Amino acid sequence: MNATLWIITGILAAVMLVSTSKMFVPREKIAAVGHAGQWVMDFSPTALRVIGSLELLAAIGLTLPAVLGIAPVMVPVTAACVALLFVGAVVMRLRRGERATIVPDLVYFAMAVFVAWGRFGPEAFTG
């Protein structure tokens, strides 16, 4: 169970880290990639930088506290926050009528909930 939680946490952290590209890539360039990137035009560049910053903090909060042994309780707290981030992503996609593109967000949501549950419960870092 512990190994599974670490793997899922690593995947989530990688997804969060890759998602931070919206802080550096102009939104027009992201939107030009295709229909899946059109959502960025609904947000200001500042809002995208804030979202990207939250995703960077999520990547850090999912891994470093446990690896360094400093406040490891932040891992499940961060996972719960990541779950909320993906709830927002699903809501945004539903409002835009992009029902077909919510599947990855729902998968990431489920992964974040699993990590939060596992690290708050049966495989907590503190015993």
Protein backbone atom coordinates (compact mmCIF):
# COMPACT_ATOMS: atom_id res chain seq x y z
CA MET A 1 0.00 0.00 0.00
CA ASN A 2 2.82 2.39 0.89
CA ALA A 3 4.51 1.78 -2.49
CA THR A 4 1.24 2.33 -4.34
CA LEU A 5 0.70 5.62 -2.51
CA TRP A 6 4.24 6.74 -3.36
CA ILE A 7 3.74 5.88 -7.06
CA ILE A 8 0.42 7.69 -7.28
CA THR A 9 1.85 10.65 -5.38
CA GLY A 10 4.77 10.77 -7.81
CA ILE A 11 2.44 10.72 -10.80
CA LEU A 12 0.33 13.51 -9.31
CA ALA A 13 3.42 15.57 -8.53
CA ALA A 14 4.65 15.11 -12.11
CA VAL A 15 1.26 16.16 -13.51
CA MET A 16 1.30 19.24 -11.29
CA LEU A 17 4.85 20.08 -12.35
CA VAL A 18 4.09 19.74 -16.06
CA SER A 19 0.98 21.88 -15.59
CA THR A 20 3.08 24.79 -14.36
CA SER A 21 4.02 25.52 -17.97
CA LYS A 22 1.04 27.87 -18.09
CA MET A 23 3.12 30.27 -15.98
CA PHE A 24 5.70 30.64 -18.75
CA VAL A 25 3.99 29.88 -22.05
CA PRO A 26 1.76 32.67 -23.41
CA ARG A 27 -1.88 31.71 -23.27
CA GLU A 28 -2.31 32.41 -26.98
CA LYS A 29 0.30 29.73 -27.71
CA ILE A 30 -1.47 27.24 -25.43
CA ALA A 31 -4.82 28.03 -27.06
CA ALA A 32 -3.31 27.49 -30.54
CA VAL A 33 -2.50 23.86 -29.69
CA GLY A 34 -6.10 22.85 -30.23
CA HIS A 35 -9.53 22.68 -28.69
CA ALA A 36 -8.22 21.26 -25.41
CA GLY A 37 -6.19 24.42 -24.81
CA GLN A 38 -8.96 26.92 -25.50
CA TRP A 39 -9.89 27.13 -21.82
CA VAL A 40 -6.89 29.37 -21.11
CA MET A 41 -8.57 32.23 -22.97
CA ASP A 42 -11.20 32.35 -20.20
CA PHE A 43 -8.49 33.36 -17.71
CA SER A 44 -6.24 36.37 -17.47
CA PRO A 45 -2.46 35.87 -17.68
CA THR A 46 -2.28 36.74 -13.97
CA ALA A 47 -4.88 34.11 -13.09
CA LEU A 48 -2.92 31.52 -15.10
CA ARG A 49 0.26 32.43 -13.22
CA VAL A 50 -1.60 32.02 -9.91
CA ILE A 51 -2.97 28.62 -10.97
CA GLY A 52 0.50 27.58 -12.14
CA SER A 53 2.00 28.73 -8.85
CA LEU A 54 -0.55 26.66 -6.92
CA GLU A 55 0.32 23.65 -9.05
CA LEU A 56 4.03 24.17 -8.36
CA LEU A 57 3.33 24.36 -4.63
CA ALA A 58 1.23 21.20 -4.95
CA ALA A 59 4.10 19.31 -6.60
CA ILE A 60 6.38 20.42 -3.78
CA GLY A 61 3.83 19.69 -1.04
CA LEU A 62 3.08 16.20 -2.34
CA THR A 63 6.69 15.08 -2.12
CA LEU A 64 9.15 17.15 -0.12
CA PRO A 65 7.54 16.99 3.34
CA ALA A 66 7.68 13.19 3.36
CA VAL A 67 11.07 12.94 1.68
CA LEU A 68 12.66 15.42 4.08
CA GLY A 69 10.69 14.24 7.12
CA ILE A 70 9.60 17.81 7.84
CA ALA A 71 5.86 18.12 8.54
CA PRO A 72 4.88 15.00 6.55
CA VAL A 73 1.24 15.64 7.46
CA MET A 74 1.38 18.23 4.67
CA VAL A 75 1.32 15.43 2.08
CA PRO A 76 -2.32 14.41 2.68
CA VAL A 77 -3.30 18.05 3.25
CA THR A 78 -1.78 18.92 -0.12
CA ALA A 79 -3.47 15.91 -1.73
CA ALA A 80 -6.83 17.15 -0.43
CA CYS A 81 -6.08 20.58 -1.90
CA VAL A 82 -5.13 18.99 -5.23
CA ALA A 83 -8.48 17.17 -5.19
CA LEU A 84 -10.19 20.56 -4.78
CA LEU A 85 -8.13 21.95 -7.64
CA PHE A 86 -9.42 19.18 -9.89
CA VAL A 87 -13.00 19.78 -8.73
CA GLY A 88 -12.52 23.32 -10.01
CA ALA A 89 -11.12 21.99 -13.28
CA VAL A 90 -14.12 19.70 -13.76
CA VAL A 91 -16.56 22.53 -13.00
CA MET A 92 -14.76 24.81 -15.47
CA ARG A 93 -14.88 22.15 -18.19
CA LEU A 94 -18.57 21.43 -17.57
CA ARG A 95 -19.38 25.15 -17.78
CA ARG A 96 -17.53 25.30 -21.10
CA GLY A 97 -19.46 22.26 -22.37
CA GLU A 98 -16.28 20.16 -22.59
CA ARG A 99 -17.76 16.98 -21.12
CA ALA A 100 -15.46 14.72 -23.14
CA THR A 101 -12.32 16.27 -21.63
CA ILE A 102 -13.19 15.85 -17.95
CA VAL A 103 -12.11 12.20 -17.75
CA PRO A 104 -8.41 12.93 -17.01
CA ASP A 105 -9.43 15.51 -14.41
CA LEU A 106 -11.71 12.97 -12.73
CA VAL A 107 -8.91 10.38 -12.73
CA TYR A 108 -6.48 12.88 -11.14
CA PHE A 109 -9.19 13.83 -8.64
CA ALA A 110 -9.62 10.17 -7.66
CA MET A 111 -5.84 9.76 -7.34
CA ALA A 112 -5.59 12.81 -5.08
CA VAL A 113 -8.46 11.58 -2.89
CA PHE A 114 -6.78 8.17 -2.65
CA VAL A 115 -3.48 9.74 -1.55
CA ALA A 116 -5.24 11.96 1.00
CA TRP A 117 -7.19 8.99 2.37
CA GLY A 118 -4.15 6.71 2.45
CA ARG A 119 -1.83 9.22 4.09
CA PHE A 120 -4.39 10.43 6.62
CA GLY A 121 -5.42 6.85 7.37
CA PRO A 122 -3.82 3.44 6.96
CA GLU A 123 -0.40 4.57 5.70
CA ALA A 124 0.06 7.81 7.61
CA PHE A 125 3.67 8.92 7.97
CA THR A 126 3.24 9.36 11.72
CA GLY A 127 2.15 6.43 13.77
